[in-house]
Amino acid sequence: MRKVSAATVATIMAIALYFTLFWGYDALRVLTSPTYGLDDVWRSQFVFGIGSYFKLSPYGLMKLAAFFGAVKLAVALACAVHIADRLRSLAGGKANSDILEGGLIVVVAVSLASVGPSVWSQNAELLREQVLQLLLAALAVALCLVERNYSRRNGAPSVAALRIERLSASH
């Protein structure tokens, strides 16, 4: 059963690294662009789709693109924090996957919001990209749940129990 846990951790780390690198790069590209990435028609198609649905002005489209850039940066940072936490846990301790799970829930929400415009514009390639990200995030969340269940069954204390123990020891 130990090998299943190692494979689970490796898969979670690989998915977290994927979102750290790709969403981080995309967020930095959007946030450093004078037009917030709207000049790249391929990657900003979902912003135009959502903007046309809500009848946004050009200024509103720029705000929406900046919002998605900031959200992608936050997800990339959450995944990077989780990777650092996992590496720290190799020296002893337990990694907390709550931050990663929160970031992945945001990935699911952004991917679902992006799938609609992909379908409306009948763009199969953009739809494929969004569905891939959605599936990766869903797989990582499921594996985090499996890992949490596995650690509870083996009698490992939860992160909340460890925090309560530390607080009671300090007082």
N, C-alpha and C. Protein backbone atom coordinates (compact mmCIF):
# COMPACT_ATOMS: atom_id res chain seq x y z
N MET A 1 0.82 -1.20 0.00
CA MET A 1 0.00 0.00 0.00
C MET A 1 0.87 1.26 0.00
N ARG A 2 2.10 1.13 0.45
CA ARG A 2 2.99 2.27 0.49
C ARG A 2 3.33 2.77 -0.91
N LYS A 3 3.44 1.89 -1.89
CA LYS A 3 3.76 2.29 -3.25
C LYS A 3 2.63 3.10 -3.87
N VAL A 4 1.41 2.75 -3.53
CA VAL A 4 0.27 3.52 -4.04
C VAL A 4 0.36 4.95 -3.52
N SER A 5 0.74 5.11 -2.28
CA SER A 5 0.86 6.45 -1.70
C SER A 5 1.97 7.23 -2.39
N ALA A 6 3.11 6.59 -2.69
CA ALA A 6 4.21 7.28 -3.35
C ALA A 6 3.81 7.69 -4.77
N ALA A 7 3.09 6.83 -5.46
CA ALA A 7 2.63 7.16 -6.81
C ALA A 7 1.60 8.29 -6.76
N THR A 8 0.78 8.29 -5.75
CA THR A 8 -0.21 9.35 -5.58
C THR A 8 0.48 10.69 -5.34
N VAL A 9 1.46 10.69 -4.46
CA VAL A 9 2.20 11.93 -4.16
C VAL A 9 2.94 12.42 -5.40
N ALA A 10 3.55 11.51 -6.14
CA ALA A 10 4.28 11.90 -7.36
C ALA A 10 3.34 12.51 -8.40
N THR A 11 2.16 11.94 -8.54
CA THR A 11 1.19 12.46 -9.51
C THR A 11 0.69 13.84 -9.08
N ILE A 12 0.41 13.99 -7.80
CA ILE A 12 -0.03 15.30 -7.28
C ILE A 12 1.05 16.35 -7.51
N MET A 13 2.30 15.98 -7.23
CA MET A 13 3.41 16.92 -7.43
C MET A 13 3.57 17.29 -8.91
N ALA A 14 3.42 16.31 -9.79
CA ALA A 14 3.55 16.59 -11.23
C ALA A 14 2.46 17.54 -11.70
N ILE A 15 1.24 17.34 -11.24
CA ILE A 15 0.13 18.22 -11.63
C ILE A 15 0.33 19.61 -11.04
N ALA A 16 0.79 19.69 -9.79
CA ALA A 16 1.07 20.99 -9.18
C ALA A 16 2.18 21.71 -9.94
N LEU A 17 3.20 20.98 -10.38
CA LEU A 17 4.28 21.58 -11.16
C LEU A 17 3.76 22.07 -12.51
N TYR A 18 2.87 21.29 -13.13
CA TYR A 18 2.27 21.71 -14.41
C TYR A 18 1.57 23.05 -14.26
N PHE A 19 0.71 23.18 -13.24
CA PHE A 19 -0.03 24.43 -13.07
C PHE A 19 0.89 25.56 -12.61
N THR A 20 1.93 25.26 -11.85
CA THR A 20 2.88 26.30 -11.46
C THR A 20 3.56 26.88 -12.68
N LEU A 21 4.04 26.01 -13.56
CA LEU A 21 4.79 26.48 -14.73
C LEU A 21 3.89 27.11 -15.79
N PHE A 22 2.85 26.39 -16.21
CA PHE A 22 2.05 26.87 -17.33
C PHE A 22 1.13 28.01 -16.95
N TRP A 23 0.44 27.90 -15.83
CA TRP A 23 -0.43 29.00 -15.43
C TRP A 23 0.39 30.19 -14.94
N GLY A 24 1.53 29.94 -14.32
CA GLY A 24 2.40 31.03 -13.91
C GLY A 24 2.93 31.81 -15.11
N TYR A 25 3.38 31.08 -16.13
CA TYR A 25 3.87 31.74 -17.34
C TYR A 25 2.75 32.53 -18.02
N ASP A 26 1.57 31.92 -18.12
CA ASP A 26 0.44 32.60 -18.76
C ASP A 26 0.04 33.84 -17.96
N ALA A 27 0.04 33.74 -16.64
CA ALA A 27 -0.32 34.89 -15.81
C ALA A 27 0.69 36.02 -15.97
N LEU A 28 1.96 35.69 -15.97
CA LEU A 28 2.98 36.73 -16.15
C LEU A 28 2.91 37.35 -17.54
N ARG A 29 2.60 36.55 -18.54
CA ARG A 29 2.45 37.07 -19.90
C ARG A 29 1.29 38.05 -19.96
N VAL A 30 0.17 37.69 -19.33
CA VAL A 30 -1.02 38.55 -19.34
C VAL A 30 -0.77 39.82 -18.54
N LEU A 31 -0.22 39.68 -17.35
CA LEU A 31 -0.08 40.83 -16.46
C LEU A 31 1.03 41.80 -16.88
N THR A 32 1.97 41.35 -17.70
CA THR A 32 3.03 42.26 -18.17
C THR A 32 2.72 42.84 -19.54
N SER A 33 1.67 42.39 -20.17
CA SER A 33 1.28 42.90 -21.48
C SER A 33 0.51 44.21 -21.32
N PRO A 34 0.75 45.19 -22.18
CA PRO A 34 -0.01 46.45 -22.07
C PRO A 34 -1.51 46.26 -22.34
N THR A 35 -1.86 45.22 -23.07
CA THR A 35 -3.28 44.95 -23.34
C THR A 35 -3.79 43.75 -22.56
N TYR A 36 -3.07 43.37 -21.52
CA TYR A 36 -3.43 42.23 -20.66
C TYR A 36 -3.65 40.94 -21.45
N GLY A 37 -2.84 40.74 -22.46
CA GLY A 37 -2.87 39.50 -23.23
C GLY A 37 -3.95 39.43 -24.28
N LEU A 38 -4.73 40.47 -24.48
CA LEU A 38 -5.80 40.43 -25.47
C LEU A 38 -5.26 40.47 -26.90
N ASP A 39 -3.99 40.85 -27.06
CA ASP A 39 -3.40 40.85 -28.40
C ASP A 39 -3.14 39.44 -28.91
N ASP A 40 -3.07 38.46 -28.01
CA ASP A 40 -2.92 37.05 -28.40
C ASP A 40 -4.33 36.47 -28.53
N VAL A 41 -4.85 36.47 -29.73
CA VAL A 41 -6.24 36.09 -29.97
C VAL A 41 -6.51 34.65 -29.54
N TRP A 42 -5.56 33.75 -29.75
CA TRP A 42 -5.77 32.34 -29.42
C TRP A 42 -5.99 32.15 -27.93
N ARG A 43 -5.12 32.73 -27.12
CA ARG A 43 -5.19 32.49 -25.67
C ARG A 43 -6.23 33.35 -24.98
N SER A 44 -6.69 34.40 -25.62
CA SER A 44 -7.67 35.27 -24.98
C SER A 44 -9.07 35.08 -25.55
N GLN A 45 -9.28 34.04 -26.31
CA GLN A 45 -10.58 33.83 -26.93
C GLN A 45 -11.69 33.66 -25.90
N PHE A 46 -11.38 33.00 -24.77
CA PHE A 46 -12.41 32.82 -23.76
C PHE A 46 -12.78 34.15 -23.10
N VAL A 47 -11.83 35.09 -23.01
CA VAL A 47 -12.12 36.41 -22.46
C VAL A 47 -13.09 37.14 -23.40
N PHE A 48 -12.82 37.06 -24.71
CA PHE A 48 -13.73 37.68 -25.68
C PHE A 48 -15.11 37.02 -25.64
N GLY A 49 -15.14 35.69 -25.46
CA GLY A 49 -16.41 34.98 -25.39
C GLY A 49 -17.23 35.39 -24.18
N ILE A 50 -16.59 35.44 -23.02
CA ILE A 50 -17.28 35.86 -21.80
C ILE A 50 -17.67 37.33 -21.90
N GLY A 51 -16.78 38.14 -22.47
CA GLY A 51 -17.07 39.57 -22.64
C GLY A 51 -18.24 39.83 -23.56
N SER A 52 -18.36 39.04 -24.63
CA SER A 52 -19.51 39.23 -25.53
C SER A 52 -20.80 38.78 -24.87
N TYR A 53 -20.72 37.77 -24.03
CA TYR A 53 -21.92 37.29 -23.32
C TYR A 53 -22.44 38.37 -22.36
N PHE A 54 -21.51 39.05 -21.67
CA PHE A 54 -21.90 40.09 -20.73
C PHE A 54 -21.88 41.49 -21.35
N LYS A 55 -21.63 41.58 -22.68
CA LYS A 55 -21.63 42.83 -23.41
C LYS A 55 -20.67 43.85 -22.78
N LEU A 56 -19.42 43.41 -22.58
CA LEU A 56 -18.42 44.28 -21.97
C LEU A 56 -17.81 45.23 -23.00
N SER A 57 -17.45 46.39 -22.53
CA SER A 57 -16.75 47.37 -23.38
C SER A 57 -15.29 46.93 -23.50
N PRO A 58 -14.52 47.58 -24.38
CA PRO A 58 -13.09 47.24 -24.46
C PRO A 58 -12.37 47.40 -23.11
N TYR A 59 -12.71 48.42 -22.36
CA TYR A 59 -12.12 48.59 -21.04
C TYR A 59 -12.53 47.45 -20.10
N GLY A 60 -13.79 47.03 -20.21
CA GLY A 60 -14.27 45.90 -19.42
C GLY A 60 -13.57 44.60 -19.79
N LEU A 61 -13.27 44.42 -21.10
CA LEU A 61 -12.52 43.24 -21.53
C LEU A 61 -11.11 43.24 -20.93
N MET A 62 -10.49 44.42 -20.86
CA MET A 62 -9.15 44.49 -20.27
C MET A 62 -9.19 44.17 -18.78
N LYS A 63 -10.22 44.65 -18.10
CA LYS A 63 -10.37 44.33 -16.68
C LYS A 63 -10.58 42.82 -16.48
N LEU A 64 -11.41 42.22 -17.34
CA LEU A 64 -11.67 40.79 -17.24
C LEU A 64 -10.39 39.98 -17.52
N ALA A 65 -9.62 40.40 -18.51
CA ALA A 65 -8.37 39.71 -18.82
C ALA A 65 -7.38 39.84 -17.65
N ALA A 66 -7.31 41.03 -17.05
CA ALA A 66 -6.43 41.23 -15.90
C ALA A 66 -6.89 40.38 -14.72
N PHE A 67 -8.20 40.26 -14.53
CA PHE A 67 -8.73 39.42 -13.46
C PHE A 67 -8.31 37.96 -13.66
N PHE A 68 -8.48 37.44 -14.88
CA PHE A 68 -8.09 36.05 -15.13
C PHE A 68 -6.58 35.87 -14.99
N GLY A 69 -5.80 36.88 -15.37
CA GLY A 69 -4.36 36.81 -15.17
C GLY A 69 -3.99 36.74 -13.70
N ALA A 70 -4.66 37.55 -12.89
CA ALA A 70 -4.39 37.53 -11.44
C ALA A 70 -4.82 36.21 -10.82
N VAL A 71 -5.94 35.66 -11.28
CA VAL A 71 -6.40 34.37 -10.76
C VAL A 71 -5.41 33.27 -11.12
N LYS A 72 -4.92 33.30 -12.36
CA LYS A 72 -3.95 32.28 -12.77
C LYS A 72 -2.65 32.41 -11.98
N LEU A 73 -2.25 33.63 -11.68
CA LEU A 73 -1.05 33.83 -10.87
C LEU A 73 -1.25 33.29 -9.45
N ALA A 74 -2.43 33.53 -8.89
CA ALA A 74 -2.72 33.03 -7.55
C ALA A 74 -2.70 31.50 -7.52
N VAL A 75 -3.25 30.87 -8.55
CA VAL A 75 -3.24 29.40 -8.62
C VAL A 75 -1.81 28.90 -8.76
N ALA A 76 -1.02 29.55 -9.61
CA ALA A 76 0.38 29.13 -9.79
C ALA A 76 1.15 29.26 -8.48
N LEU A 77 0.92 30.32 -7.74
CA LEU A 77 1.59 30.50 -6.45
C LEU A 77 1.13 29.47 -5.43
N ALA A 78 -0.16 29.15 -5.42
CA ALA A 78 -0.66 28.12 -4.51
C ALA A 78 -0.02 26.77 -4.82
N CYS A 79 0.11 26.46 -6.08
CA CYS A 79 0.75 25.19 -6.47
C CYS A 79 2.23 25.20 -6.10
N ALA A 80 2.90 26.34 -6.27
CA ALA A 80 4.32 26.45 -5.90
C ALA A 80 4.51 26.30 -4.39
N VAL A 81 3.61 26.89 -3.61
CA VAL A 81 3.67 26.74 -2.15
C VAL A 81 3.48 25.27 -1.77
N HIS A 82 2.58 24.59 -2.46
CA HIS A 82 2.36 23.18 -2.16
C HIS A 82 3.60 22.34 -2.50
N ILE A 83 4.23 22.64 -3.62
CA ILE A 83 5.46 21.92 -3.99
C ILE A 83 6.53 22.14 -2.92
N ALA A 84 6.69 23.38 -2.47
CA ALA A 84 7.67 23.67 -1.42
C ALA A 84 7.31 22.95 -0.12
N ASP A 85 6.03 22.89 0.19
CA ASP A 85 5.57 22.18 1.39
C ASP A 85 5.85 20.69 1.29
N ARG A 86 5.64 20.12 0.11
CA ARG A 86 5.94 18.69 -0.10
C ARG A 86 7.43 18.43 0.05
N LEU A 87 8.24 19.29 -0.51
CA LEU A 87 9.69 19.10 -0.40
C LEU A 87 10.14 19.26 1.05
N ARG A 88 9.53 20.18 1.77
CA ARG A 88 9.84 20.35 3.19
C ARG A 88 9.44 19.12 3.99
N SER A 89 8.34 18.49 3.60
CA SER A 89 7.87 17.33 4.35
C SER A 89 8.77 16.11 4.15
N LEU A 90 9.62 16.13 3.12
CA LEU A 90 10.57 15.03 2.95
C LEU A 90 11.58 14.99 4.09
N ALA A 91 11.84 16.15 4.69
CA ALA A 91 12.77 16.23 5.82
C ALA A 91 12.09 15.84 7.13
N GLY A 92 10.82 15.64 7.08
CA GLY A 92 10.06 15.29 8.28
C GLY A 92 8.83 16.17 8.37
N GLY A 93 7.78 15.61 8.85
CA GLY A 93 6.54 16.36 8.96
C GLY A 93 5.52 15.88 7.95
N LYS A 94 4.46 16.63 7.85
CA LYS A 94 3.37 16.25 6.96
C LYS A 94 3.00 17.43 6.09
N ALA A 95 2.83 17.17 4.81
CA ALA A 95 2.44 18.22 3.88
C ALA A 95 0.95 18.49 4.00
N ASN A 96 0.59 19.75 3.92
CA ASN A 96 -0.81 20.16 3.98
C ASN A 96 -1.28 20.43 2.55
N SER A 97 -2.29 19.71 2.11
CA SER A 97 -2.75 19.87 0.74
C SER A 97 -3.95 20.81 0.62
N ASP A 98 -4.31 21.50 1.69
CA ASP A 98 -5.47 22.39 1.65
C ASP A 98 -5.27 23.54 0.66
N ILE A 99 -4.08 24.12 0.63
CA ILE A 99 -3.82 25.24 -0.28
C ILE A 99 -3.92 24.76 -1.73
N LEU A 100 -3.34 23.59 -2.00
CA LEU A 100 -3.40 23.04 -3.35
C LEU A 100 -4.84 22.75 -3.75
N GLU A 101 -5.60 22.16 -2.86
CA GLU A 101 -7.00 21.86 -3.17
C GLU A 101 -7.79 23.13 -3.47
N GLY A 102 -7.55 24.18 -2.72
CA GLY A 102 -8.22 25.45 -2.99
C GLY A 102 -7.84 26.00 -4.36
N GLY A 103 -6.56 25.93 -4.68
CA GLY A 103 -6.11 26.39 -5.99
C GLY A 103 -6.70 25.57 -7.12
N LEU A 104 -6.80 24.26 -6.91
CA LEU A 104 -7.35 23.40 -7.95
C LEU A 104 -8.85 23.59 -8.13
N ILE A 105 -9.54 23.96 -7.07
CA ILE A 105 -10.96 24.28 -7.20
C ILE A 105 -11.12 25.54 -8.05
N VAL A 106 -10.20 26.49 -7.90
CA VAL A 106 -10.23 27.68 -8.75
C VAL A 106 -9.93 27.31 -10.20
N VAL A 107 -9.01 26.35 -10.41
CA VAL A 107 -8.73 25.86 -11.77
C VAL A 107 -9.99 25.29 -12.39
N VAL A 108 -10.71 24.50 -11.62
CA VAL A 108 -11.96 23.91 -12.13
C VAL A 108 -12.95 25.01 -12.50
N ALA A 109 -13.08 26.02 -11.65
CA ALA A 109 -14.03 27.10 -11.93
C ALA A 109 -13.62 27.88 -13.19
N VAL A 110 -12.34 28.20 -13.32
CA VAL A 110 -11.87 28.95 -14.50
C VAL A 110 -12.03 28.09 -15.75
N SER A 111 -11.71 26.82 -15.65
CA SER A 111 -11.84 25.93 -16.81
C SER A 111 -13.30 25.80 -17.24
N LEU A 112 -14.19 25.69 -16.27
CA LEU A 112 -15.61 25.60 -16.62
C LEU A 112 -16.09 26.90 -17.26
N ALA A 113 -15.61 28.04 -16.74
CA ALA A 113 -16.00 29.32 -17.34
C ALA A 113 -15.42 29.46 -18.74
N SER A 114 -14.30 28.83 -19.01
CA SER A 114 -13.65 28.94 -20.31
C SER A 114 -14.19 27.94 -21.33
N VAL A 115 -14.79 26.88 -20.86
CA VAL A 115 -15.32 25.86 -21.77
C VAL A 115 -16.50 26.41 -22.56
N GLY A 116 -17.35 27.19 -21.92
CA GLY A 116 -18.53 27.72 -22.60
C GLY A 116 -18.21 28.49 -23.87
N PRO A 117 -17.34 29.51 -23.79
CA PRO A 117 -16.98 30.23 -25.02
C PRO A 117 -16.31 29.34 -26.07
N SER A 118 -15.59 28.32 -25.63
CA SER A 118 -14.96 27.40 -26.59
C SER A 118 -16.02 26.62 -27.36
N VAL A 119 -17.05 26.22 -26.65
CA VAL A 119 -18.14 25.49 -27.31
C VAL A 119 -18.93 26.42 -28.23
N TRP A 120 -19.23 27.63 -27.74
CA TRP A 120 -20.01 28.58 -28.54
C TRP A 120 -19.30 28.96 -29.83
N SER A 121 -17.97 29.09 -29.76
CA SER A 121 -17.21 29.46 -30.95
C SER A 121 -16.83 28.24 -31.79
N GLN A 122 -17.21 27.06 -31.32
CA GLN A 122 -16.93 25.79 -32.01
C GLN A 122 -15.43 25.61 -32.27
N ASN A 123 -14.63 25.95 -31.26
CA ASN A 123 -13.19 25.83 -31.35
C ASN A 123 -12.77 24.58 -30.58
N ALA A 124 -12.56 23.49 -31.31
CA ALA A 124 -12.25 22.20 -30.69
C ALA A 124 -10.89 22.21 -30.00
N GLU A 125 -9.92 22.91 -30.55
CA GLU A 125 -8.58 22.92 -29.95
C GLU A 125 -8.58 23.64 -28.60
N LEU A 126 -9.26 24.77 -28.52
CA LEU A 126 -9.36 25.49 -27.26
C LEU A 126 -10.17 24.68 -26.24
N LEU A 127 -11.21 24.02 -26.70
CA LEU A 127 -12.01 23.17 -25.83
C LEU A 127 -11.17 22.03 -25.28
N ARG A 128 -10.36 21.43 -26.12
CA ARG A 128 -9.48 20.32 -25.70
C ARG A 128 -8.52 20.80 -24.61
N GLU A 129 -7.95 21.98 -24.79
CA GLU A 129 -7.02 22.52 -23.79
C GLU A 129 -7.71 22.75 -22.45
N GLN A 130 -8.91 23.31 -22.48
CA GLN A 130 -9.64 23.58 -21.24
C GLN A 130 -10.08 22.28 -20.56
N VAL A 131 -10.51 21.30 -21.34
CA VAL A 131 -10.94 20.03 -20.75
C VAL A 131 -9.75 19.30 -20.14
N LEU A 132 -8.58 19.38 -20.78
CA LEU A 132 -7.37 18.76 -20.23
C LEU A 132 -7.04 19.37 -18.87
N GLN A 133 -7.09 20.69 -18.76
CA GLN A 133 -6.81 21.34 -17.49
C GLN A 133 -7.85 20.98 -16.44
N LEU A 134 -9.09 20.89 -16.86
CA LEU A 134 -10.16 20.50 -15.95
C LEU A 134 -9.94 19.08 -15.43
N LEU A 135 -9.58 18.17 -16.31
CA LEU A 135 -9.34 16.78 -15.90
C LEU A 135 -8.13 16.65 -14.99
N LEU A 136 -7.05 17.39 -15.30
CA LEU A 136 -5.87 17.35 -14.43
C LEU A 136 -6.19 17.86 -13.03
N ALA A 137 -6.93 18.94 -12.95
CA ALA A 137 -7.30 19.48 -11.64
C ALA A 137 -8.21 18.51 -10.89
N ALA A 138 -9.17 17.93 -11.59
CA ALA A 138 -10.06 16.96 -10.94
C ALA A 138 -9.30 15.73 -10.46
N LEU A 139 -8.35 15.26 -11.26
CA LEU A 139 -7.53 14.11 -10.86
C LEU A 139 -6.70 14.44 -9.63
N ALA A 140 -6.10 15.61 -9.59
CA ALA A 140 -5.28 15.99 -8.44
C ALA A 140 -6.12 16.12 -7.17
N VAL A 141 -7.31 16.70 -7.28
CA VAL A 141 -8.18 16.81 -6.11
C VAL A 141 -8.59 15.42 -5.63
N ALA A 142 -8.93 14.53 -6.56
CA ALA A 142 -9.29 13.17 -6.18
C ALA A 142 -8.13 12.45 -5.50
N LEU A 143 -6.93 12.64 -6.00
CA LEU A 143 -5.76 12.01 -5.39
C LEU A 143 -5.45 12.60 -4.02
N CYS A 144 -5.68 13.90 -3.85
CA CYS A 144 -5.52 14.51 -2.52
C CYS A 144 -6.50 13.90 -1.53
N LEU A 145 -7.72 13.65 -1.98
CA LEU A 145 -8.71 13.01 -1.12
C LEU A 145 -8.32 11.58 -0.79
N VAL A 146 -7.79 10.85 -1.77
CA VAL A 146 -7.32 9.49 -1.53
C VAL A 146 -6.18 9.50 -0.52
N GLU A 147 -5.25 10.42 -0.70
CA GLU A 147 -4.11 10.52 0.21
C GLU A 147 -4.57 10.85 1.63
N ARG A 148 -5.50 11.78 1.75
CA ARG A 148 -6.02 12.15 3.06
C ARG A 148 -6.72 10.96 3.72
N ASN A 149 -7.51 10.24 2.95
CA ASN A 149 -8.20 9.06 3.48
C ASN A 149 -7.20 7.99 3.89
N TYR A 150 -6.16 7.80 3.10
CA TYR A 150 -5.12 6.81 3.39
C TYR A 150 -4.39 7.15 4.69
N SER A 151 -4.08 8.44 4.88
CA SER A 151 -3.36 8.82 6.10
C SER A 151 -4.25 8.71 7.33
N ARG A 152 -5.53 8.96 7.18
CA ARG A 152 -6.46 8.82 8.32
C ARG A 152 -6.62 7.35 8.71
N ARG A 153 -6.66 6.47 7.74
CA ARG A 153 -6.81 5.05 8.04
C ARG A 153 -5.58 4.48 8.72
N ASN A 154 -4.42 5.04 8.42
CA ASN A 154 -3.19 4.54 9.02
C ASN A 154 -2.88 5.23 10.34
N GLY A 155 -3.82 5.98 10.86
CA GLY A 155 -3.68 6.58 12.17
C GLY A 155 -2.83 7.82 12.22
N ALA A 156 -2.49 8.38 11.09
CA ALA A 156 -1.71 9.62 11.08
C ALA A 156 -2.62 10.76 11.53
N PRO A 157 -2.12 11.62 12.41
CA PRO A 157 -2.96 12.72 12.87
C PRO A 157 -3.20 13.73 11.76
N SER A 158 -4.34 14.37 11.80
CA SER A 158 -4.65 15.38 10.80
C SER A 158 -3.84 16.65 11.09
N VAL A 159 -3.79 17.53 10.12
CA VAL A 159 -3.06 18.79 10.28
C VAL A 159 -3.70 19.61 11.40
N ALA A 160 -5.03 19.60 11.48
CA ALA A 160 -5.71 20.35 12.53
C ALA A 160 -5.35 19.79 13.90
N ALA A 161 -5.27 18.47 14.03
CA ALA A 161 -4.89 17.86 15.31
C ALA A 161 -3.46 18.22 15.69
N LEU A 162 -2.57 18.29 14.71
CA LEU A 162 -1.19 18.68 14.99
C LEU A 162 -1.11 20.13 15.45
N ARG A 163 -1.92 21.02 14.86
CA ARG A 163 -1.92 22.42 15.26
C ARG A 163 -2.45 22.57 16.67
N ILE A 164 -3.51 21.85 17.00
CA ILE A 164 -4.08 21.91 18.35
C ILE A 164 -3.06 21.40 19.36
N GLU A 165 -2.35 20.34 19.01
CA GLU A 165 -1.32 19.78 19.90
C GLU A 165 -0.21 20.80 20.14
N ARG A 166 0.22 21.50 19.07
CA ARG A 166 1.27 22.52 19.21
C ARG A 166 0.80 23.67 20.07
N LEU A 167 -0.45 24.10 19.89
CA LEU A 167 -0.98 25.21 20.69
C LEU A 167 -1.06 24.83 22.16
N SER A 168 -1.53 23.63 22.44
CA SER A 168 -1.65 23.22 23.84
C SER A 168 -0.29 23.02 24.48
N ALA A 169 0.72 22.63 23.72
CA ALA A 169 2.06 22.44 24.25
C ALA A 169 2.72 23.79 24.55
N SER A 170 2.36 24.82 23.79
CA SER A 170 2.98 26.13 24.00
C SER A 170 2.38 26.88 25.18
N HIS A 171 1.18 26.49 25.60
CA HIS A 171 0.52 27.20 26.73
C HIS A 171 0.69 26.44 27.96
